[in-house]
Amino acid sequence: MKIPIIIVCADGELLVYEDPERALRFVESPDVESGEYPVVFDADGRRFKLDVVEPTRRKRGLFGTRIELTPVKFTALEDTATGADELRSILAKKLPSARPGAPLVELLKLARAAFRSQ
């Protein structure tokens, strides 16, 4: 997995992480289970998905349902990067300052500045 990690949210928002572990701490198991993060790429355009290690625990009580988050992991969908063109297209649409036909490396640099997640 080559950084940055780019997570495309279901609403089109982009999250860019320099540290995969930080990304895994940000995403929550109920959101992963509901499909909130349908597309994940590394810097080469290799595709990943987010999976929960075990289902989110929900416990019903007198005052509502308590949710206990569970760990999330990356699962590689391919051994070699086949999504570079798709990633470049996604980034180009989200980065109006990008020059037309900009290479992926240039778009990643712009994305790091524009969408870096803490």
N, C-alpha and C. Protein backbone atom coordinates (compact mmCIF):
# COMPACT_ATOMS: atom_id res chain seq x y z
N MET A 1 0.85 -1.17 0.00
CA MET A 1 0.00 0.00 0.00
C MET A 1 0.90 1.24 0.00
N LYS A 2 0.73 2.04 -1.03
CA LYS A 2 1.56 3.23 -1.18
C LYS A 2 0.75 4.48 -0.81
N ILE A 3 1.30 5.31 0.05
CA ILE A 3 0.59 6.51 0.48
C ILE A 3 0.73 7.62 -0.55
N PRO A 4 -0.25 8.51 -0.59
CA PRO A 4 -1.40 8.62 0.30
C PRO A 4 -2.50 7.61 -0.06
N ILE A 5 -3.37 7.40 0.92
CA ILE A 5 -4.54 6.56 0.75
C ILE A 5 -5.71 7.50 0.47
N ILE A 6 -6.46 7.23 -0.57
CA ILE A 6 -7.59 8.07 -0.95
C ILE A 6 -8.87 7.26 -0.76
N ILE A 7 -9.73 7.77 0.10
CA ILE A 7 -11.02 7.13 0.36
C ILE A 7 -12.09 8.02 -0.29
N VAL A 8 -12.89 7.41 -1.15
CA VAL A 8 -14.00 8.13 -1.79
C VAL A 8 -15.26 7.75 -1.02
N CYS A 9 -15.91 8.74 -0.44
CA CYS A 9 -17.12 8.51 0.34
C CYS A 9 -18.32 8.39 -0.60
N ALA A 10 -19.40 7.80 -0.10
CA ALA A 10 -20.61 7.60 -0.89
C ALA A 10 -21.18 8.93 -1.39
N ASP A 11 -20.99 10.00 -0.63
CA ASP A 11 -21.50 11.31 -1.05
C ASP A 11 -20.54 12.06 -1.97
N GLY A 12 -19.41 11.40 -2.34
CA GLY A 12 -18.44 12.01 -3.24
C GLY A 12 -17.29 12.72 -2.56
N GLU A 13 -17.38 12.88 -1.25
CA GLU A 13 -16.28 13.52 -0.51
C GLU A 13 -15.03 12.67 -0.61
N LEU A 14 -13.87 13.32 -0.65
CA LEU A 14 -12.59 12.61 -0.67
C LEU A 14 -11.89 12.79 0.67
N LEU A 15 -11.31 11.70 1.15
CA LEU A 15 -10.48 11.72 2.35
C LEU A 15 -9.10 11.25 1.93
N VAL A 16 -8.08 12.00 2.29
CA VAL A 16 -6.71 11.66 1.91
C VAL A 16 -5.89 11.48 3.19
N TYR A 17 -5.26 10.33 3.32
CA TYR A 17 -4.48 10.00 4.52
C TYR A 17 -3.05 9.65 4.16
N GLU A 18 -2.12 10.19 4.92
CA GLU A 18 -0.71 9.87 4.77
C GLU A 18 -0.34 8.62 5.57
N ASP A 19 -1.22 8.23 6.46
CA ASP A 19 -0.97 7.09 7.35
C ASP A 19 -2.18 6.15 7.31
N PRO A 20 -2.02 4.94 6.78
CA PRO A 20 -3.15 4.01 6.72
C PRO A 20 -3.77 3.73 8.09
N GLU A 21 -2.96 3.67 9.12
CA GLU A 21 -3.49 3.40 10.46
C GLU A 21 -4.39 4.53 10.93
N ARG A 22 -4.03 5.75 10.59
CA ARG A 22 -4.87 6.91 10.96
C ARG A 22 -6.21 6.81 10.23
N ALA A 23 -6.19 6.40 8.99
CA ALA A 23 -7.44 6.23 8.23
C ALA A 23 -8.32 5.20 8.91
N LEU A 24 -7.72 4.10 9.35
CA LEU A 24 -8.51 3.05 10.00
C LEU A 24 -9.07 3.51 11.34
N ARG A 25 -8.40 4.43 11.98
CA ARG A 25 -8.93 4.98 13.25
C ARG A 25 -10.08 5.95 12.99
N PHE A 26 -10.09 6.57 11.82
CA PHE A 26 -11.14 7.55 11.49
C PHE A 26 -12.44 6.87 11.08
N VAL A 27 -12.37 5.89 10.21
CA VAL A 27 -13.60 5.26 9.71
C VAL A 27 -14.22 4.41 10.82
N GLU A 28 -15.52 4.38 10.87
CA GLU A 28 -16.20 3.64 11.93
C GLU A 28 -16.94 2.45 11.34
N SER A 29 -16.96 1.38 12.11
CA SER A 29 -17.52 0.12 11.62
C SER A 29 -18.97 0.23 11.12
N PRO A 30 -19.87 0.97 11.78
CA PRO A 30 -21.24 1.07 11.23
C PRO A 30 -21.26 1.72 9.84
N ASP A 31 -20.38 2.70 9.64
CA ASP A 31 -20.32 3.38 8.33
C ASP A 31 -19.75 2.44 7.26
N VAL A 32 -18.76 1.65 7.63
CA VAL A 32 -18.20 0.67 6.69
C VAL A 32 -19.28 -0.34 6.31
N GLU A 33 -20.01 -0.82 7.30
CA GLU A 33 -21.07 -1.81 7.05
C GLU A 33 -22.18 -1.26 6.17
N SER A 34 -22.44 0.04 6.27
CA SER A 34 -23.53 0.64 5.48
C SER A 34 -23.08 1.11 4.10
N GLY A 35 -21.80 0.92 3.78
CA GLY A 35 -21.32 1.27 2.45
C GLY A 35 -20.93 2.73 2.28
N GLU A 36 -20.63 3.40 3.36
CA GLU A 36 -20.26 4.82 3.32
C GLU A 36 -18.96 5.08 2.56
N TYR A 37 -18.08 4.08 2.49
CA TYR A 37 -16.78 4.25 1.85
C TYR A 37 -16.63 3.21 0.73
N PRO A 38 -17.27 3.44 -0.42
CA PRO A 38 -17.30 2.40 -1.46
C PRO A 38 -16.01 2.22 -2.25
N VAL A 39 -15.14 3.24 -2.27
CA VAL A 39 -13.94 3.15 -3.11
C VAL A 39 -12.73 3.61 -2.31
N VAL A 40 -11.65 2.81 -2.38
CA VAL A 40 -10.39 3.17 -1.72
C VAL A 40 -9.26 2.88 -2.70
N PHE A 41 -8.35 3.83 -2.82
CA PHE A 41 -7.17 3.67 -3.67
C PHE A 41 -5.91 3.99 -2.88
N ASP A 42 -4.80 3.40 -3.30
CA ASP A 42 -3.52 3.89 -2.82
C ASP A 42 -2.98 4.82 -3.91
N ALA A 43 -1.78 5.35 -3.70
CA ALA A 43 -1.21 6.35 -4.62
C ALA A 43 -0.94 5.80 -6.02
N ASP A 44 -0.80 4.50 -6.15
CA ASP A 44 -0.57 3.90 -7.47
C ASP A 44 -1.86 3.60 -8.22
N GLY A 45 -3.00 3.73 -7.53
CA GLY A 45 -4.28 3.38 -8.15
C GLY A 45 -4.69 1.95 -7.86
N ARG A 46 -4.02 1.32 -6.92
CA ARG A 46 -4.41 -0.03 -6.51
C ARG A 46 -5.69 0.07 -5.69
N ARG A 47 -6.62 -0.81 -5.97
CA ARG A 47 -7.93 -0.76 -5.31
C ARG A 47 -7.95 -1.60 -4.02
N PHE A 48 -8.62 -1.02 -3.04
CA PHE A 48 -8.83 -1.68 -1.75
C PHE A 48 -10.29 -1.50 -1.37
N LYS A 49 -10.69 -2.23 -0.36
CA LYS A 49 -11.99 -1.98 0.26
C LYS A 49 -11.78 -1.99 1.76
N LEU A 50 -12.71 -1.39 2.44
CA LEU A 50 -12.70 -1.40 3.90
C LEU A 50 -13.63 -2.51 4.37
N ASP A 51 -13.18 -3.29 5.32
CA ASP A 51 -13.98 -4.37 5.91
C ASP A 51 -13.94 -4.25 7.42
N VAL A 52 -15.02 -4.65 8.05
CA VAL A 52 -14.99 -4.75 9.51
C VAL A 52 -14.40 -6.10 9.88
N VAL A 53 -13.62 -6.12 10.93
CA VAL A 53 -13.01 -7.36 11.41
C VAL A 53 -14.08 -8.26 12.00
N GLU A 54 -15.02 -7.65 12.70
CA GLU A 54 -16.19 -8.36 13.22
C GLU A 54 -17.34 -7.37 13.23
N PRO A 55 -18.58 -7.83 13.13
CA PRO A 55 -19.71 -6.90 13.05
C PRO A 55 -19.79 -5.96 14.25
N THR A 56 -20.28 -4.76 13.97
CA THR A 56 -20.52 -3.78 15.03
C THR A 56 -21.46 -4.39 16.06
N ARG A 57 -21.14 -4.18 17.32
CA ARG A 57 -21.99 -4.73 18.38
C ARG A 57 -23.05 -3.69 18.76
N ARG A 58 -24.28 -4.15 18.79
CA ARG A 58 -25.39 -3.29 19.20
C ARG A 58 -26.10 -3.95 20.36
N LYS A 59 -26.24 -3.20 21.43
CA LYS A 59 -26.90 -3.73 22.63
C LYS A 59 -28.08 -2.84 22.97
N ARG A 60 -29.22 -3.48 23.03
CA ARG A 60 -30.44 -2.74 23.38
C ARG A 60 -30.55 -2.64 24.89
N GLY A 61 -30.95 -1.47 25.31
CA GLY A 61 -31.15 -1.23 26.74
C GLY A 61 -32.42 -0.44 26.96
N LEU A 62 -32.63 -0.11 28.18
CA LEU A 62 -33.82 0.65 28.56
C LEU A 62 -33.87 2.01 27.88
N PHE A 63 -32.71 2.61 27.67
CA PHE A 63 -32.66 3.98 27.15
C PHE A 63 -32.19 4.05 25.70
N GLY A 64 -32.35 2.98 24.96
CA GLY A 64 -31.97 2.99 23.55
C GLY A 64 -30.94 1.92 23.25
N THR A 65 -30.35 2.03 22.08
CA THR A 65 -29.36 1.05 21.63
C THR A 65 -27.97 1.63 21.79
N ARG A 66 -27.10 0.85 22.39
CA ARG A 66 -25.70 1.24 22.55
C ARG A 66 -24.89 0.56 21.45
N ILE A 67 -24.06 1.34 20.77
CA ILE A 67 -23.23 0.80 19.69
C ILE A 67 -21.80 0.71 20.16
N GLU A 68 -21.22 -0.44 19.95
CA GLU A 68 -19.80 -0.65 20.27
C GLU A 68 -19.05 -0.85 18.96
N LEU A 69 -18.20 0.12 18.63
CA LEU A 69 -17.45 0.05 17.38
C LEU A 69 -16.49 -1.12 17.39
N THR A 70 -16.25 -1.67 16.21
CA THR A 70 -15.30 -2.78 16.08
C THR A 70 -14.21 -2.37 15.09
N PRO A 71 -13.07 -3.07 15.09
CA PRO A 71 -11.96 -2.69 14.21
C PRO A 71 -12.31 -2.82 12.73
N VAL A 72 -11.62 -1.99 11.95
CA VAL A 72 -11.77 -1.97 10.50
C VAL A 72 -10.41 -2.26 9.88
N LYS A 73 -10.41 -2.89 8.71
CA LYS A 73 -9.15 -3.20 8.02
C LYS A 73 -9.28 -2.92 6.53
N PHE A 74 -8.13 -2.76 5.88
CA PHE A 74 -8.09 -2.67 4.42
C PHE A 74 -7.96 -4.08 3.85
N THR A 75 -8.67 -4.34 2.76
CA THR A 75 -8.54 -5.58 2.02
C THR A 75 -8.20 -5.22 0.58
N ALA A 76 -7.08 -5.74 0.09
CA ALA A 76 -6.68 -5.47 -1.29
C ALA A 76 -7.63 -6.19 -2.24
N LEU A 77 -8.07 -5.50 -3.27
CA LEU A 77 -8.94 -6.10 -4.28
C LEU A 77 -8.15 -6.58 -5.49
N GLU A 78 -6.87 -6.20 -5.53
CA GLU A 78 -6.03 -6.59 -6.66
C GLU A 78 -4.57 -6.57 -6.24
N ASP A 79 -3.77 -7.33 -6.95
CA ASP A 79 -2.34 -7.38 -6.65
C ASP A 79 -1.56 -6.27 -7.34
N THR A 80 -2.02 -5.87 -8.51
CA THR A 80 -1.37 -4.78 -9.23
C THR A 80 -2.38 -3.67 -9.44
N ALA A 81 -1.89 -2.46 -9.54
CA ALA A 81 -2.75 -1.29 -9.67
C ALA A 81 -3.40 -1.24 -11.06
N THR A 82 -4.74 -1.26 -11.07
CA THR A 82 -5.47 -1.12 -12.33
C THR A 82 -6.37 0.11 -12.32
N GLY A 83 -6.40 0.84 -11.21
CA GLY A 83 -7.33 1.96 -11.08
C GLY A 83 -6.71 3.34 -11.22
N ALA A 84 -5.50 3.42 -11.76
CA ALA A 84 -4.82 4.73 -11.85
C ALA A 84 -5.63 5.71 -12.70
N ASP A 85 -6.17 5.26 -13.81
CA ASP A 85 -6.95 6.17 -14.67
C ASP A 85 -8.24 6.61 -13.97
N GLU A 86 -8.89 5.68 -13.28
CA GLU A 86 -10.11 6.04 -12.55
C GLU A 86 -9.79 7.03 -11.44
N LEU A 87 -8.71 6.78 -10.69
CA LEU A 87 -8.31 7.69 -9.62
C LEU A 87 -7.97 9.06 -10.20
N ARG A 88 -7.23 9.09 -11.30
CA ARG A 88 -6.87 10.36 -11.93
C ARG A 88 -8.12 11.13 -12.33
N SER A 89 -9.12 10.44 -12.87
CA SER A 89 -10.37 11.07 -13.27
C SER A 89 -11.12 11.64 -12.07
N ILE A 90 -11.20 10.87 -11.00
CA ILE A 90 -11.87 11.32 -9.77
C ILE A 90 -11.19 12.57 -9.23
N LEU A 91 -9.87 12.53 -9.14
CA LEU A 91 -9.13 13.68 -8.60
C LEU A 91 -9.26 14.90 -9.50
N ALA A 92 -9.18 14.70 -10.80
CA ALA A 92 -9.28 15.83 -11.73
C ALA A 92 -10.64 16.54 -11.59
N LYS A 93 -11.71 15.78 -11.38
CA LYS A 93 -13.04 16.37 -11.21
C LYS A 93 -13.14 17.16 -9.91
N LYS A 94 -12.45 16.70 -8.88
CA LYS A 94 -12.53 17.33 -7.56
C LYS A 94 -11.54 18.49 -7.38
N LEU A 95 -10.61 18.63 -8.30
CA LEU A 95 -9.56 19.64 -8.18
C LEU A 95 -9.64 20.61 -9.36
N PRO A 96 -10.47 21.64 -9.23
CA PRO A 96 -10.63 22.58 -10.34
C PRO A 96 -9.34 23.32 -10.70
N SER A 97 -8.38 23.38 -9.79
CA SER A 97 -7.12 24.06 -10.06
C SER A 97 -6.14 23.20 -10.86
N ALA A 98 -6.48 21.93 -11.05
CA ALA A 98 -5.58 21.03 -11.79
C ALA A 98 -5.59 21.38 -13.27
N ARG A 99 -4.41 21.31 -13.85
CA ARG A 99 -4.34 21.58 -15.30
C ARG A 99 -4.88 20.37 -16.06
N PRO A 100 -5.51 20.61 -17.18
CA PRO A 100 -6.05 19.50 -17.97
C PRO A 100 -4.97 18.49 -18.34
N GLY A 101 -5.28 17.22 -18.19
CA GLY A 101 -4.33 16.15 -18.53
C GLY A 101 -3.20 15.98 -17.54
N ALA A 102 -3.34 16.57 -16.36
CA ALA A 102 -2.28 16.46 -15.35
C ALA A 102 -2.04 15.00 -15.00
N PRO A 103 -0.77 14.62 -14.80
CA PRO A 103 -0.48 13.24 -14.42
C PRO A 103 -0.94 12.95 -12.99
N LEU A 104 -1.10 11.69 -12.68
CA LEU A 104 -1.58 11.28 -11.37
C LEU A 104 -0.71 11.83 -10.24
N VAL A 105 0.59 11.82 -10.39
CA VAL A 105 1.48 12.30 -9.33
C VAL A 105 1.21 13.77 -9.01
N GLU A 106 0.91 14.56 -10.02
CA GLU A 106 0.60 15.98 -9.80
C GLU A 106 -0.75 16.14 -9.09
N LEU A 107 -1.72 15.34 -9.51
CA LEU A 107 -3.05 15.39 -8.88
C LEU A 107 -2.99 14.95 -7.43
N LEU A 108 -2.16 13.96 -7.14
CA LEU A 108 -2.01 13.50 -5.76
C LEU A 108 -1.42 14.60 -4.88
N LYS A 109 -0.48 15.34 -5.42
CA LYS A 109 0.12 16.45 -4.67
C LYS A 109 -0.94 17.50 -4.34
N LEU A 110 -1.78 17.84 -5.31
CA LEU A 110 -2.86 18.79 -5.08
C LEU A 110 -3.88 18.24 -4.09
N ALA A 111 -4.20 16.96 -4.22
CA ALA A 111 -5.18 16.34 -3.32
C ALA A 111 -4.68 16.31 -1.89
N ARG A 112 -3.39 16.08 -1.73
CA ARG A 112 -2.82 16.09 -0.37
C ARG A 112 -3.04 17.43 0.30
N ALA A 113 -2.89 18.51 -0.46
CA ALA A 113 -3.09 19.85 0.10
C ALA A 113 -4.57 20.16 0.31
N ALA A 114 -5.42 19.74 -0.62
CA ALA A 114 -6.83 20.11 -0.57
C ALA A 114 -7.69 19.23 0.34
N PHE A 115 -7.39 17.95 0.42
CA PHE A 115 -8.28 17.02 1.12
C PHE A 115 -7.65 16.26 2.28
N ARG A 116 -6.44 16.64 2.68
CA ARG A 116 -5.76 15.89 3.73
C ARG A 116 -6.63 15.80 4.98
N SER A 117 -6.80 14.61 5.47
CA SER A 117 -7.59 14.36 6.67
C SER A 117 -6.67 14.24 7.86
N GLN A 118 -7.14 14.72 8.96
CA GLN A 118 -6.31 14.71 10.18
C GLN A 118 -6.34 13.39 10.88
